[in-house]
Amino acid sequence: MSKRAVRTLPSRIQDRLAALYGVDAPSVDGFVRPSDGTREVLRVRKRRGAIEMALHLPSESITPQGELSLDVLCQVAEGVSHFIYLAERSRRELPATQLELELQAEVDKFLLVAGALSDRPIGRGHLEAVYARLFHGIHFVHEAGTVNGDRYRLANRLAARFVKAITGELATRGMTAMLKRSLRRFFEAGQREKLELAAAA
């Protein structure tokens, strides 16, 4: 069996996002921990001046025996997005907030689930269906009015604006060089600029 054939889902997602954003993070596989019955979580702590991370993902996503549900796929995409974002911010010695992480992950989930990381145009109907599922047909784990609940809702709402603004180009021209530059700018932005870019979309 070829080495390519046994690549894990987290590592394949990392490759796609890293290529899009032009970053070189450590292999996520070395940080993944399987978890049963709990949702994706990236645990982070600072120790002796260095950041330590452990990405807990549903066990079925690490050694899949069949087709994964959309929910599990989104959990993996979100976790890998968090991992890459924090690794890059740490490398550049820049701060990162939880809102930044969630906002970036919402955008990344759409790009991955919609299959938007290729150069070919994507059917508008498909993009609209994925958009509706990820930004309208969702259930939040945390209640509205809580810190976590309000942060996730804000990230989802702002990401929806940003993503809506790029779907036309994805449908007609695919992932163009200009769109890649826009996405890289969004990725590299801190919280204030991210919020401004999303609000202006």
C-alpha atoms as a PDB file:
ATOM      1  CA  MET A   1       0.000   0.000   0.000  1.00  0.00           C
ATOM      2  CA  SER A   2       1.385   3.414  -0.928  1.00  0.00           C
ATOM      3  CA  LYS A   3       2.239   6.022   1.633  1.00  0.00           C
ATOM      4  CA  ARG A   4      -0.308   8.335   0.034  1.00  0.00           C
ATOM      5  CA  ALA A   5      -3.078   5.775   0.490  1.00  0.00           C
ATOM      6  CA  VAL A   6      -2.749   5.745   4.282  1.00  0.00           C
ATOM      7  CA  ARG A   7      -2.774   9.503   4.828  1.00  0.00           C
ATOM      8  CA  THR A   8      -5.104  10.482   7.640  1.00  0.00           C
ATOM      9  CA  LEU A   9      -8.055  12.810   7.173  1.00  0.00           C
ATOM     10  CA  PRO A  10      -6.539  15.489   9.466  1.00  0.00           C
ATOM     11  CA  SER A  11      -3.271  15.454   7.499  1.00  0.00           C
ATOM     12  CA  ARG A  12      -5.084  15.720   4.153  1.00  0.00           C
ATOM     13  CA  ILE A  13      -7.070  18.678   5.411  1.00  0.00           C
ATOM     14  CA  GLN A  14      -3.889  20.255   6.755  1.00  0.00           C
ATOM     15  CA  ASP A  15      -2.210  19.917   3.361  1.00  0.00           C
ATOM     16  CA  ARG A  16      -5.066  21.716   1.618  1.00  0.00           C
ATOM     17  CA  LEU A  17      -5.304  24.583   4.080  1.00  0.00           C
ATOM     18  CA  ALA A  18      -1.521  24.979   4.376  1.00  0.00           C
ATOM     19  CA  ALA A  19      -1.207  25.188   0.585  1.00  0.00           C
ATOM     20  CA  LEU A  20      -3.983  27.776   0.383  1.00  0.00           C
ATOM     21  CA  TYR A  21      -2.492  30.000   3.075  1.00  0.00           C
ATOM     22  CA  GLY A  22       1.179  29.402   2.302  1.00  0.00           C
ATOM     23  CA  VAL A  23       2.064  28.189   5.789  1.00  0.00           C
ATOM     24  CA  ASP A  24       4.306  25.384   7.022  1.00  0.00           C
ATOM     25  CA  ALA A  25       3.017  24.040  10.341  1.00  0.00           C
ATOM     26  CA  PRO A  26       4.155  20.859  12.114  1.00  0.00           C
ATOM     27  CA  SER A  27       2.296  17.717  11.082  1.00  0.00           C
ATOM     28  CA  VAL A  28      -1.056  17.714  12.858  1.00  0.00           C
ATOM     29  CA  ASP A  29      -0.996  13.918  13.206  1.00  0.00           C
ATOM     30  CA  GLY A  30       1.550  14.190  16.008  1.00  0.00           C
ATOM     31  CA  PHE A  31      -0.883  16.308  18.027  1.00  0.00           C
ATOM     32  CA  VAL A  32      -4.112  14.371  17.448  1.00  0.00           C
ATOM     33  CA  ARG A  33      -5.693  12.488  20.349  1.00  0.00           C
ATOM     34  CA  PRO A  34      -8.742  10.242  19.787  1.00  0.00           C
ATOM     35  CA  SER A  35     -11.768  10.922  21.934  1.00  0.00           C
ATOM     36  CA  ASP A  36     -14.994   8.955  22.343  1.00  0.00           C
ATOM     37  CA  GLY A  37     -18.268  10.681  23.074  1.00  0.00           C
ATOM     38  CA  THR A  38     -16.893  14.222  23.096  1.00  0.00           C
ATOM     39  CA  ARG A  39     -16.651  16.871  20.431  1.00  0.00           C
ATOM     40  CA  GLU A  40     -13.530  18.341  18.851  1.00  0.00           C
ATOM     41  CA  VAL A  41     -11.388  20.427  21.170  1.00  0.00           C
ATOM     42  CA  LEU A  42      -7.921  21.924  20.829  1.00  0.00           C
ATOM     43  CA  ARG A  43      -6.227  22.079  24.224  1.00  0.00           C
ATOM     44  CA  VAL A  44      -3.500  24.693  24.488  1.00  0.00           C
ATOM     45  CA  ARG A  45      -1.116  25.618  27.255  1.00  0.00           C
ATOM     46  CA  LYS A  46       1.999  27.700  27.503  1.00  0.00           C
ATOM     47  CA  ARG A  47       4.902  25.956  29.157  1.00  0.00           C
ATOM     48  CA  ARG A  48       8.445  27.258  29.497  1.00  0.00           C
ATOM     49  CA  GLY A  49       7.844  29.872  26.840  1.00  0.00           C
ATOM     50  CA  ALA A  50       6.502  27.367  24.296  1.00  0.00           C
ATOM     51  CA  ILE A  51       2.945  26.542  23.272  1.00  0.00           C
ATOM     52  CA  GLU A  52       1.824  22.938  23.679  1.00  0.00           C
ATOM     53  CA  MET A  53      -1.232  21.698  21.786  1.00  0.00           C
ATOM     54  CA  ALA A  54      -3.329  18.546  21.756  1.00  0.00           C
ATOM     55  CA  LEU A  55      -6.126  18.190  19.213  1.00  0.00           C
ATOM     56  CA  HIS A  56      -8.872  15.866  20.445  1.00  0.00           C
ATOM     57  CA  LEU A  57     -10.980  14.505  17.578  1.00  0.00           C
ATOM     58  CA  PRO A  58     -13.751  11.887  17.359  1.00  0.00           C
ATOM     59  CA  SER A  59     -12.176   8.442  17.128  1.00  0.00           C
ATOM     60  CA  GLU A  60     -14.101   7.540  13.977  1.00  0.00           C
ATOM     61  CA  SER A  61     -12.418  10.395  12.103  1.00  0.00           C
ATOM     62  CA  ILE A  62      -8.929   9.080  12.828  1.00  0.00           C
ATOM     63  CA  THR A  63      -9.479   5.485  11.710  1.00  0.00           C
ATOM     64  CA  PRO A  64     -12.660   5.729   9.598  1.00  0.00           C
ATOM     65  CA  GLN A  65     -14.448   2.477   8.789  1.00  0.00           C
ATOM     66  CA  GLY A  66     -16.934   4.072   6.421  1.00  0.00           C
ATOM     67  CA  GLU A  67     -18.338   7.388   5.282  1.00  0.00           C
ATOM     68  CA  LEU A  68     -18.171  10.093   7.931  1.00  0.00           C
ATOM     69  CA  SER A  69     -21.122  12.282   8.809  1.00  0.00           C
ATOM     70  CA  LEU A  70     -21.016  15.959   7.887  1.00  0.00           C
ATOM     71  CA  ASP A  71     -20.866  16.795  11.586  1.00  0.00           C
ATOM     72  CA  VAL A  72     -17.738  14.711  12.158  1.00  0.00           C
ATOM     73  CA  LEU A  73     -16.099  16.046   8.998  1.00  0.00           C
ATOM     74  CA  CYS A  74     -16.781  19.606  10.171  1.00  0.00           C
ATOM     75  CA  GLN A  75     -15.292  18.838  13.584  1.00  0.00           C
ATOM     76  CA  VAL A  76     -12.061  17.633  11.969  1.00  0.00           C
ATOM     77  CA  ALA A  77     -11.943  20.626   9.627  1.00  0.00           C
ATOM     78  CA  GLU A  78     -12.500  22.994  12.543  1.00  0.00           C
ATOM     79  CA  GLY A  79      -9.852  21.345  14.695  1.00  0.00           C
ATOM     80  CA  VAL A  80      -7.225  21.352  11.949  1.00  0.00           C
ATOM     81  CA  SER A  81      -8.072  24.968  11.120  1.00  0.00           C
ATOM     82  CA  HIS A  82      -7.550  25.921  14.775  1.00  0.00           C
ATOM     83  CA  PHE A  83      -4.261  24.002  14.858  1.00  0.00           C
ATOM     84  CA  ILE A  84      -2.819  25.627  11.739  1.00  0.00           C
ATOM     85  CA  TYR A  85      -3.957  29.093  12.749  1.00  0.00           C
ATOM     86  CA  LEU A  86      -2.473  28.888  16.244  1.00  0.00           C
ATOM     87  CA  ALA A  87       0.760  27.332  14.984  1.00  0.00           C
ATOM     88  CA  GLU A  88       1.219  30.160  12.484  1.00  0.00           C
ATOM     89  CA  ARG A  89       0.311  32.913  14.941  1.00  0.00           C
ATOM     90  CA  SER A  90       2.753  31.406  17.440  1.00  0.00           C
ATOM     91  CA  ARG A  91       5.492  31.181  14.814  1.00  0.00           C
ATOM     92  CA  ARG A  92       5.007  34.859  14.035  1.00  0.00           C
ATOM     93  CA  GLU A  93       4.804  35.683  17.766  1.00  0.00           C
ATOM     94  CA  LEU A  94       1.347  37.182  17.347  1.00  0.00           C
ATOM     95  CA  PRO A  95      -1.618  36.886  19.722  1.00  0.00           C
ATOM     96  CA  ALA A  96      -4.772  34.986  18.834  1.00  0.00           C
ATOM     97  CA  THR A  97      -8.250  35.191  20.318  1.00  0.00           C
ATOM     98  CA  GLN A  98     -10.945  32.549  20.505  1.00  0.00           C
ATOM     99  CA  LEU A  99     -13.157  34.654  18.247  1.00  0.00           C
ATOM    100  CA  GLU A 100     -10.413  34.743  15.600  1.00  0.00           C
ATOM    101  CA  LEU A 101     -10.104  30.965  15.760  1.00  0.00           C
ATOM    102  CA  GLU A 102     -13.834  30.386  15.394  1.00  0.00           C
ATOM    103  CA  LEU A 103     -14.237  32.924  12.591  1.00  0.00           C
ATOM    104  CA  GLN A 104     -11.343  31.440  10.620  1.00  0.00           C
ATOM    105  CA  ALA A 105     -12.637  27.913  11.163  1.00  0.00           C
ATOM    106  CA  GLU A 106     -16.102  28.825   9.865  1.00  0.00           C
ATOM    107  CA  VAL A 107     -14.563  30.065   6.612  1.00  0.00           C
ATOM    108  CA  ASP A 108     -12.265  27.042   6.335  1.00  0.00           C
ATOM    109  CA  LYS A 109     -15.114  24.589   6.909  1.00  0.00           C
ATOM    110  CA  PHE A 110     -17.072  26.094   4.048  1.00  0.00           C
ATOM    111  CA  LEU A 111     -14.107  25.979   1.659  1.00  0.00           C
ATOM    112  CA  LEU A 112     -13.380  22.345   2.525  1.00  0.00           C
ATOM    113  CA  VAL A 113     -16.942  21.012   2.544  1.00  0.00           C
ATOM    114  CA  ALA A 114     -17.804  22.860  -0.676  1.00  0.00           C
ATOM    115  CA  GLY A 115     -14.693  21.480  -2.394  1.00  0.00           C
ATOM    116  CA  ALA A 116     -13.623  25.031  -3.172  1.00  0.00           C
ATOM    117  CA  LEU A 117      -9.861  24.549  -2.950  1.00  0.00           C
ATOM    118  CA  SER A 118      -9.427  23.495  -6.566  1.00  0.00           C
ATOM    119  CA  ASP A 119      -9.020  25.851  -9.512  1.00  0.00           C
ATOM    120  CA  ARG A 120     -12.205  24.798 -11.277  1.00  0.00           C
ATOM    121  CA  PRO A 121     -15.545  26.621 -10.932  1.00  0.00           C
ATOM    122  CA  ILE A 122     -18.101  25.033  -8.612  1.00  0.00           C
ATOM    123  CA  GLY A 123     -21.798  24.737  -9.339  1.00  0.00           C
ATOM    124  CA  ARG A 124     -23.743  27.609  -7.802  1.00  0.00           C
ATOM    125  CA  GLY A 125     -26.434  25.225  -6.587  1.00  0.00           C
ATOM    126  CA  HIS A 126     -23.859  23.154  -4.712  1.00  0.00           C
ATOM    127  CA  LEU A 127     -22.298  26.245  -3.132  1.00  0.00           C
ATOM    128  CA  GLU A 128     -25.701  27.523  -2.049  1.00  0.00           C
ATOM    129  CA  ALA A 129     -26.633  24.150  -0.538  1.00  0.00           C
ATOM    130  CA  VAL A 130     -23.409  23.971   1.468  1.00  0.00           C
ATOM    131  CA  TYR A 131     -23.821  27.604   2.512  1.00  0.00           C
ATOM    132  CA  ALA A 132     -27.361  26.974   3.744  1.00  0.00           C
ATOM    133  CA  ARG A 133     -26.311  23.856   5.647  1.00  0.00           C
ATOM    134  CA  LEU A 134     -23.330  25.448   7.396  1.00  0.00           C
ATOM    135  CA  PHE A 135     -24.735  28.888   8.112  1.00  0.00           C
ATOM    136  CA  HIS A 136     -28.476  28.384   8.458  1.00  0.00           C
ATOM    137  CA  GLY A 137     -29.193  24.720   9.189  1.00  0.00           C
ATOM    138  CA  ILE A 138     -27.067  24.568  12.321  1.00  0.00           C
ATOM    139  CA  HIS A 139     -27.514  23.781  15.994  1.00  0.00           C
ATOM    140  CA  PHE A 140     -25.335  25.482  18.587  1.00  0.00           C
ATOM    141  CA  VAL A 141     -24.152  23.406  21.540  1.00  0.00           C
ATOM    142  CA  HIS A 142     -23.849  26.460  23.797  1.00  0.00           C
ATOM    143  CA  GLU A 143     -26.896  28.523  24.738  1.00  0.00           C
ATOM    144  CA  ALA A 144     -27.406  32.052  23.437  1.00  0.00           C
ATOM    145  CA  GLY A 145     -26.515  34.586  26.097  1.00  0.00           C
ATOM    146  CA  THR A 146     -23.484  32.630  27.300  1.00  0.00           C
ATOM    147  CA  VAL A 147     -19.927  33.716  26.483  1.00  0.00           C
ATOM    148  CA  ASN A 148     -19.279  30.673  24.310  1.00  0.00           C
ATOM    149  CA  GLY A 149     -22.720  30.699  22.737  1.00  0.00           C
ATOM    150  CA  ASP A 150     -22.526  34.351  21.742  1.00  0.00           C
ATOM    151  CA  ARG A 151     -18.983  33.963  20.387  1.00  0.00           C
ATOM    152  CA  TYR A 152     -19.943  31.013  18.164  1.00  0.00           C
ATOM    153  CA  ARG A 153     -23.020  32.829  16.873  1.00  0.00           C
ATOM    154  CA  LEU A 154     -21.041  35.976  16.080  1.00  0.00           C
ATOM    155  CA  ALA A 155     -18.333  33.974  14.299  1.00  0.00           C
ATOM    156  CA  ASN A 156     -20.953  32.107  12.280  1.00  0.00           C
ATOM    157  CA  ARG A 157     -22.795  35.293  11.318  1.00  0.00           C
ATOM    158  CA  LEU A 158     -19.664  37.181  10.251  1.00  0.00           C
ATOM    159  CA  ALA A 159     -18.225  34.213   8.376  1.00  0.00           C
ATOM    160  CA  ALA A 160     -21.530  33.875   6.522  1.00  0.00           C
ATOM    161  CA  ARG A 161     -21.148  37.460   5.252  1.00  0.00           C
ATOM    162  CA  PHE A 162     -17.556  36.898   4.181  1.00  0.00           C
ATOM    163  CA  VAL A 163     -18.289  33.591   2.463  1.00  0.00           C
ATOM    164  CA  LYS A 164     -21.391  34.952   0.713  1.00  0.00           C
ATOM    165  CA  ALA A 165     -19.214  37.634  -0.872  1.00  0.00           C
ATOM    166  CA  ILE A 166     -16.872  35.094  -2.484  1.00  0.00           C
ATOM    167  CA  THR A 167     -19.369  32.487  -3.701  1.00  0.00           C
ATOM    168  CA  GLY A 168     -20.013  34.340  -6.963  1.00  0.00           C
ATOM    169  CA  GLU A 169     -16.354  34.147  -7.949  1.00  0.00           C
ATOM    170  CA  LEU A 170     -16.128  30.503  -6.880  1.00  0.00           C
ATOM    171  CA  ALA A 171     -19.140  29.690  -9.051  1.00  0.00           C
ATOM    172  CA  THR A 172     -17.926  31.503 -12.166  1.00  0.00           C
ATOM    173  CA  ARG A 173     -14.128  31.279 -12.036  1.00  0.00           C
ATOM    174  CA  GLY A 174     -13.123  28.974  -9.191  1.00  0.00           C
ATOM    175  CA  MET A 175     -10.215  29.623  -6.846  1.00  0.00           C
ATOM    176  CA  THR A 176      -8.505  32.448  -8.722  1.00  0.00           C
ATOM    177  CA  ALA A 177      -5.201  34.028  -7.753  1.00  0.00           C
ATOM    178  CA  MET A 178      -7.058  37.152  -6.643  1.00  0.00           C
ATOM    179  CA  LEU A 179      -9.394  35.142  -4.419  1.00  0.00           C
ATOM    180  CA  LYS A 180      -6.450  33.276  -2.896  1.00  0.00           C
ATOM    181  CA  ARG A 181      -4.882  36.627  -2.018  1.00  0.00           C
ATOM    182  CA  SER A 182      -8.112  37.731  -0.344  1.00  0.00           C
ATOM    183  CA  LEU A 183      -8.327  34.520   1.647  1.00  0.00           C
ATOM    184  CA  ARG A 184      -4.679  34.771   2.681  1.00  0.00           C
ATOM    185  CA  ARG A 185      -5.206  38.332   3.827  1.00  0.00           C
ATOM    186  CA  PHE A 186      -8.163  37.172   5.919  1.00  0.00           C
ATOM    187  CA  PHE A 187      -6.102  34.320   7.388  1.00  0.00           C
ATOM    188  CA  GLU A 188      -3.189  36.609   8.264  1.00  0.00           C
ATOM    189  CA  ALA A 189      -5.399  39.279   9.836  1.00  0.00           C
ATOM    190  CA  GLY A 190      -5.787  39.648  13.577  1.00  0.00           C
ATOM    191  CA  GLN A 191      -9.159  39.938  15.256  1.00  0.00           C
ATOM    192  CA  ARG A 192      -9.865  43.607  14.487  1.00  0.00           C
ATOM    193  CA  GLU A 193      -9.029  43.320  10.794  1.00  0.00           C
ATOM    194  CA  LYS A 194     -10.883  40.006  10.495  1.00  0.00           C
ATOM    195  CA  LEU A 195     -14.022  41.602  11.906  1.00  0.00           C
ATOM    196  CA  GLU A 196     -13.629  44.592   9.569  1.00  0.00           C
ATOM    197  CA  LEU A 197     -13.122  42.377   6.502  1.00  0.00           C
ATOM    198  CA  ALA A 198     -16.140  40.241   7.353  1.00  0.00           C
ATOM    199  CA  ALA A 199     -18.375  43.213   8.152  1.00  0.00           C
ATOM    200  CA  ALA A 200     -17.392  44.971   4.908  1.00  0.00           C
ATOM    201  CA  ALA A 201     -18.046  41.922   2.720  1.00  0.00           C
END
